[in-house]
N, C-alpha and C. Protein backbone atom coordinates (compact mmCIF):
# COMPACT_ATOMS: atom_id res chain seq x y z
N MET A 1 90.12 85.03 84.57
CA MET A 1 90.75 86.21 85.09
C MET A 1 89.95 87.47 84.75
N ASP A 2 88.66 87.44 84.95
CA ASP A 2 87.84 88.61 84.70
C ASP A 2 88.15 89.69 85.71
N ASN A 3 87.97 90.95 85.29
CA ASN A 3 88.19 92.11 86.14
C ASN A 3 89.61 92.17 86.71
N MET A 4 90.59 91.86 85.88
CA MET A 4 91.98 91.95 86.30
C MET A 4 92.34 93.43 86.35
N ASN A 5 92.75 93.91 87.47
CA ASN A 5 93.02 95.32 87.65
C ASN A 5 94.47 95.54 88.06
N GLU A 6 95.37 95.15 87.19
CA GLU A 6 96.78 95.29 87.51
C GLU A 6 97.43 96.40 86.71
N ASN A 7 98.31 97.11 87.38
CA ASN A 7 99.22 98.05 86.74
C ASN A 7 100.60 97.48 87.01
N VAL A 8 101.34 97.19 85.95
CA VAL A 8 102.62 96.51 86.11
C VAL A 8 103.69 97.23 85.29
N ILE A 9 104.86 97.40 85.91
CA ILE A 9 106.04 97.91 85.20
C ILE A 9 107.11 96.85 85.39
N GLU A 10 107.65 96.36 84.26
CA GLU A 10 108.60 95.26 84.34
C GLU A 10 109.82 95.56 83.46
N PHE A 11 110.99 95.47 84.07
CA PHE A 11 112.23 95.62 83.32
C PHE A 11 113.37 95.01 84.12
N THR A 12 114.43 94.66 83.43
CA THR A 12 115.59 94.08 84.09
C THR A 12 116.67 95.14 84.26
N ARG A 13 117.60 94.86 85.13
CA ARG A 13 118.69 95.79 85.39
C ARG A 13 119.42 96.12 84.09
N ASN A 14 119.74 97.39 83.93
CA ASN A 14 120.47 97.92 82.76
C ASN A 14 119.69 97.82 81.46
N SER A 15 118.40 97.52 81.56
CA SER A 15 117.56 97.46 80.36
C SER A 15 117.18 98.87 79.94
N GLU A 16 117.11 99.10 78.65
CA GLU A 16 116.71 100.41 78.14
C GLU A 16 115.20 100.49 77.91
N THR A 17 114.53 99.33 77.94
CA THR A 17 113.10 99.28 77.66
C THR A 17 112.37 98.54 78.77
N ALA A 18 111.19 99.04 79.12
CA ALA A 18 110.33 98.38 80.10
C ALA A 18 109.03 97.98 79.41
N THR A 19 108.44 96.90 79.90
CA THR A 19 107.10 96.51 79.46
C THR A 19 106.15 96.95 80.56
N VAL A 20 105.11 97.68 80.16
CA VAL A 20 104.14 98.16 81.14
C VAL A 20 102.76 97.64 80.78
N THR A 21 101.97 97.38 81.79
CA THR A 21 100.58 97.01 81.64
C THR A 21 99.79 97.93 82.55
N PHE A 22 98.84 98.66 81.96
CA PHE A 22 98.04 99.59 82.76
C PHE A 22 96.56 99.39 82.49
N CYS A 23 95.79 99.39 83.57
CA CYS A 23 94.34 99.39 83.46
C CYS A 23 93.78 100.71 83.98
N GLN A 24 94.58 101.41 84.74
CA GLN A 24 94.15 102.67 85.34
C GLN A 24 94.14 103.77 84.27
N GLY A 25 93.00 104.42 84.13
CA GLY A 25 92.78 105.37 83.05
C GLY A 25 93.83 106.43 82.87
N ARG A 26 94.30 107.04 83.96
CA ARG A 26 95.27 108.13 83.80
C ARG A 26 96.58 107.63 83.21
N PHE A 27 96.98 106.42 83.53
CA PHE A 27 98.22 105.88 82.96
C PHE A 27 98.01 105.43 81.52
N VAL A 28 96.84 104.84 81.24
CA VAL A 28 96.52 104.44 79.87
C VAL A 28 96.55 105.66 78.98
N SER A 29 95.91 106.74 79.41
CA SER A 29 95.89 107.98 78.62
C SER A 29 97.28 108.54 78.40
N LYS A 30 98.08 108.52 79.46
CA LYS A 30 99.43 109.06 79.36
C LYS A 30 100.27 108.26 78.36
N VAL A 31 100.18 106.94 78.42
CA VAL A 31 100.94 106.10 77.50
C VAL A 31 100.45 106.29 76.06
N ARG A 32 99.14 106.41 75.88
CA ARG A 32 98.61 106.66 74.53
C ARG A 32 99.15 107.97 73.96
N LYS A 33 99.17 109.02 74.76
CA LYS A 33 99.69 110.31 74.30
C LYS A 33 101.18 110.21 73.98
N LEU A 34 101.93 109.49 74.82
CA LEU A 34 103.36 109.32 74.55
C LEU A 34 103.58 108.53 73.26
N ALA A 35 102.75 107.52 73.03
CA ALA A 35 102.87 106.72 71.80
C ALA A 35 102.58 107.56 70.56
N GLU A 36 101.63 108.48 70.67
CA GLU A 36 101.33 109.36 69.55
C GLU A 36 102.47 110.34 69.30
N ARG A 37 103.02 110.86 70.37
CA ARG A 37 104.06 111.88 70.25
C ARG A 37 105.44 111.29 69.93
N TYR A 38 105.73 110.12 70.49
CA TYR A 38 107.04 109.49 70.31
C TYR A 38 106.88 108.04 69.84
N PRO A 39 106.36 107.82 68.64
CA PRO A 39 106.09 106.45 68.18
C PRO A 39 107.35 105.60 68.05
N GLU A 40 108.50 106.23 67.89
CA GLU A 40 109.75 105.46 67.79
C GLU A 40 110.22 104.97 69.16
N GLU A 41 109.71 105.57 70.24
CA GLU A 41 110.13 105.19 71.59
C GLU A 41 109.06 104.40 72.36
N VAL A 42 107.80 104.68 72.10
CA VAL A 42 106.70 104.06 72.85
C VAL A 42 105.79 103.31 71.88
N GLN A 43 105.66 102.01 72.11
CA GLN A 43 104.81 101.17 71.26
C GLN A 43 103.77 100.47 72.13
N ILE A 44 102.51 100.65 71.78
CA ILE A 44 101.44 99.91 72.44
C ILE A 44 101.35 98.58 71.70
N THR A 45 101.62 97.50 72.42
CA THR A 45 101.67 96.18 71.78
C THR A 45 100.35 95.43 71.86
N HIS A 46 99.50 95.79 72.83
CA HIS A 46 98.23 95.09 72.96
C HIS A 46 97.22 95.99 73.65
N GLU A 47 95.99 95.99 73.13
CA GLU A 47 94.89 96.72 73.75
C GLU A 47 93.80 95.71 74.07
N ASN A 48 93.43 95.63 75.33
CA ASN A 48 92.42 94.67 75.78
C ASN A 48 91.02 95.25 75.66
N GLU A 49 90.03 94.37 75.64
CA GLU A 49 88.63 94.79 75.53
C GLU A 49 88.21 95.68 76.70
N ASP A 50 88.84 95.50 77.86
CA ASP A 50 88.46 96.29 79.04
C ASP A 50 89.12 97.67 79.06
N GLY A 51 89.91 97.99 78.01
CA GLY A 51 90.57 99.29 77.93
C GLY A 51 91.99 99.31 78.43
N SER A 52 92.43 98.22 79.05
CA SER A 52 93.81 98.16 79.53
C SER A 52 94.75 97.96 78.34
N ILE A 53 96.02 98.33 78.55
CA ILE A 53 97.00 98.23 77.48
C ILE A 53 98.30 97.61 77.96
N VAL A 54 99.04 97.08 77.01
CA VAL A 54 100.41 96.62 77.23
C VAL A 54 101.27 97.41 76.26
N ALA A 55 102.38 97.95 76.78
CA ALA A 55 103.23 98.78 75.92
C ALA A 55 104.69 98.62 76.31
N HIS A 56 105.55 99.02 75.38
CA HIS A 56 106.99 99.09 75.63
C HIS A 56 107.36 100.56 75.69
N ILE A 57 108.05 100.94 76.77
CA ILE A 57 108.49 102.33 76.95
C ILE A 57 109.95 102.34 77.38
N PRO A 58 110.66 103.45 77.15
CA PRO A 58 112.03 103.55 77.65
C PRO A 58 112.03 103.56 79.19
N THR A 59 112.99 102.89 79.79
CA THR A 59 113.07 102.90 81.25
C THR A 59 113.32 104.31 81.78
N SER A 60 113.87 105.18 80.96
CA SER A 60 114.08 106.57 81.40
C SER A 60 112.77 107.31 81.65
N TYR A 61 111.65 106.77 81.15
CA TYR A 61 110.35 107.39 81.37
C TYR A 61 109.79 107.05 82.75
N ILE A 62 110.38 106.10 83.42
CA ILE A 62 109.86 105.64 84.71
C ILE A 62 110.43 106.52 85.82
N MET A 63 109.52 107.04 86.65
CA MET A 63 109.94 107.88 87.75
C MET A 63 109.05 107.59 88.96
N ILE A 64 109.67 107.46 90.10
CA ILE A 64 108.92 107.28 91.34
C ILE A 64 109.05 108.59 92.11
N SER A 65 107.92 109.12 92.51
CA SER A 65 107.91 110.44 93.12
C SER A 65 107.12 110.44 94.41
N ASN A 66 107.56 111.24 95.34
CA ASN A 66 106.83 111.46 96.57
C ASN A 66 106.07 112.77 96.40
N ARG A 67 104.78 112.70 96.30
CA ARG A 67 103.98 113.89 96.04
C ARG A 67 103.64 114.68 97.30
N LYS A 68 104.16 114.26 98.43
CA LYS A 68 103.89 114.99 99.65
C LYS A 68 104.56 116.36 99.58
N ARG A 69 103.82 117.33 100.00
CA ARG A 69 104.36 118.68 100.02
C ARG A 69 105.27 118.81 101.24
N GLU A 70 106.53 119.15 101.01
CA GLU A 70 107.47 119.28 102.10
C GLU A 70 107.50 120.69 102.67
N VAL A 71 106.83 121.62 101.98
CA VAL A 71 106.81 123.00 102.43
C VAL A 71 105.39 123.34 102.86
N GLU A 72 105.24 123.95 103.99
CA GLU A 72 103.93 124.41 104.44
C GLU A 72 103.79 125.87 104.03
N TYR A 73 102.71 126.17 103.31
CA TYR A 73 102.47 127.52 102.84
C TYR A 73 101.52 128.26 103.77
N THR A 74 101.69 129.56 103.86
CA THR A 74 100.75 130.39 104.61
C THR A 74 99.49 130.55 103.77
N GLU A 75 98.42 131.01 104.39
CA GLU A 75 97.18 131.25 103.65
C GLU A 75 97.40 132.28 102.55
N GLU A 76 98.22 133.28 102.82
CA GLU A 76 98.51 134.31 101.82
C GLU A 76 99.25 133.70 100.62
N GLU A 77 100.23 132.84 100.89
CA GLU A 77 100.97 132.19 99.81
C GLU A 77 100.06 131.27 99.00
N LEU A 78 99.17 130.55 99.69
CA LEU A 78 98.22 129.67 98.98
C LEU A 78 97.29 130.49 98.10
N ALA A 79 96.83 131.63 98.58
CA ALA A 79 95.95 132.49 97.79
C ALA A 79 96.68 132.98 96.54
N THR A 80 97.94 133.36 96.69
CA THR A 80 98.73 133.81 95.54
C THR A 80 98.91 132.68 94.54
N LEU A 81 99.20 131.48 95.02
CA LEU A 81 99.36 130.32 94.14
C LEU A 81 98.06 130.03 93.39
N ARG A 82 96.93 130.11 94.08
CA ARG A 82 95.63 129.86 93.44
C ARG A 82 95.38 130.88 92.33
N GLU A 83 95.71 132.14 92.60
CA GLU A 83 95.54 133.18 91.59
C GLU A 83 96.40 132.91 90.36
N ARG A 84 97.65 132.51 90.58
CA ARG A 84 98.56 132.23 89.47
C ARG A 84 98.07 131.05 88.65
N ILE A 85 97.56 130.03 89.32
CA ILE A 85 97.04 128.85 88.62
C ILE A 85 95.80 129.23 87.81
N ALA A 86 94.90 130.01 88.41
CA ALA A 86 93.69 130.44 87.70
C ALA A 86 94.06 131.28 86.48
N TYR A 87 95.04 132.15 86.62
CA TYR A 87 95.50 132.99 85.52
C TYR A 87 96.08 132.13 84.39
N ALA A 88 96.94 131.18 84.74
CA ALA A 88 97.54 130.29 83.74
C ALA A 88 96.46 129.45 83.05
N ARG A 89 95.50 128.96 83.82
CA ARG A 89 94.41 128.16 83.25
C ARG A 89 93.58 129.00 82.28
N ASP A 90 93.32 130.26 82.65
CA ASP A 90 92.56 131.17 81.79
C ASP A 90 93.29 131.40 80.47
N ILE A 91 94.59 131.62 80.55
CA ILE A 91 95.38 131.81 79.33
C ILE A 91 95.34 130.56 78.46
N LYS A 92 95.48 129.40 79.09
CA LYS A 92 95.47 128.15 78.34
C LYS A 92 94.12 127.91 77.66
N LEU A 93 93.04 128.18 78.37
CA LEU A 93 91.71 127.93 77.83
C LEU A 93 91.29 128.96 76.78
N ASN A 94 91.68 130.20 77.00
CA ASN A 94 91.25 131.27 76.09
C ASN A 94 92.29 131.59 75.01
N GLY A 95 93.46 131.08 75.16
CA GLY A 95 94.49 131.26 74.14
C GLY A 95 95.21 132.59 74.16
N SER A 96 94.83 133.48 75.05
CA SER A 96 95.53 134.75 75.16
C SER A 96 95.29 135.35 76.53
N GLU A 97 96.09 136.35 76.84
CA GLU A 97 95.95 137.00 78.13
C GLU A 97 94.72 137.89 78.12
N SER A 98 93.99 137.90 79.23
CA SER A 98 92.83 138.78 79.34
C SER A 98 93.12 139.85 80.37
N ASP A 99 92.48 141.00 80.19
CA ASP A 99 92.72 142.12 81.11
C ASP A 99 91.86 142.03 82.34
């Protein structure tokens, strides 16, 4: 089973805990951060040589989302949003507001 590239979320009805297996980097990173922050709730049970992980997480952490934008923005609104994002990013990176 070389190069197994599965992302799996498994839990039974009314279960409070799910077993997850992730090989995709963004999910692996997210679970690692959750395990560091909430070690009583998130446990990484196995780390594979290929970087994939198996972990137990609360089922309340599982969310399915539709990322499609349901609102169409005007060019002016998009420009304003870009400015706000750049401003917030600048504050985050520099640690304070700049003039």
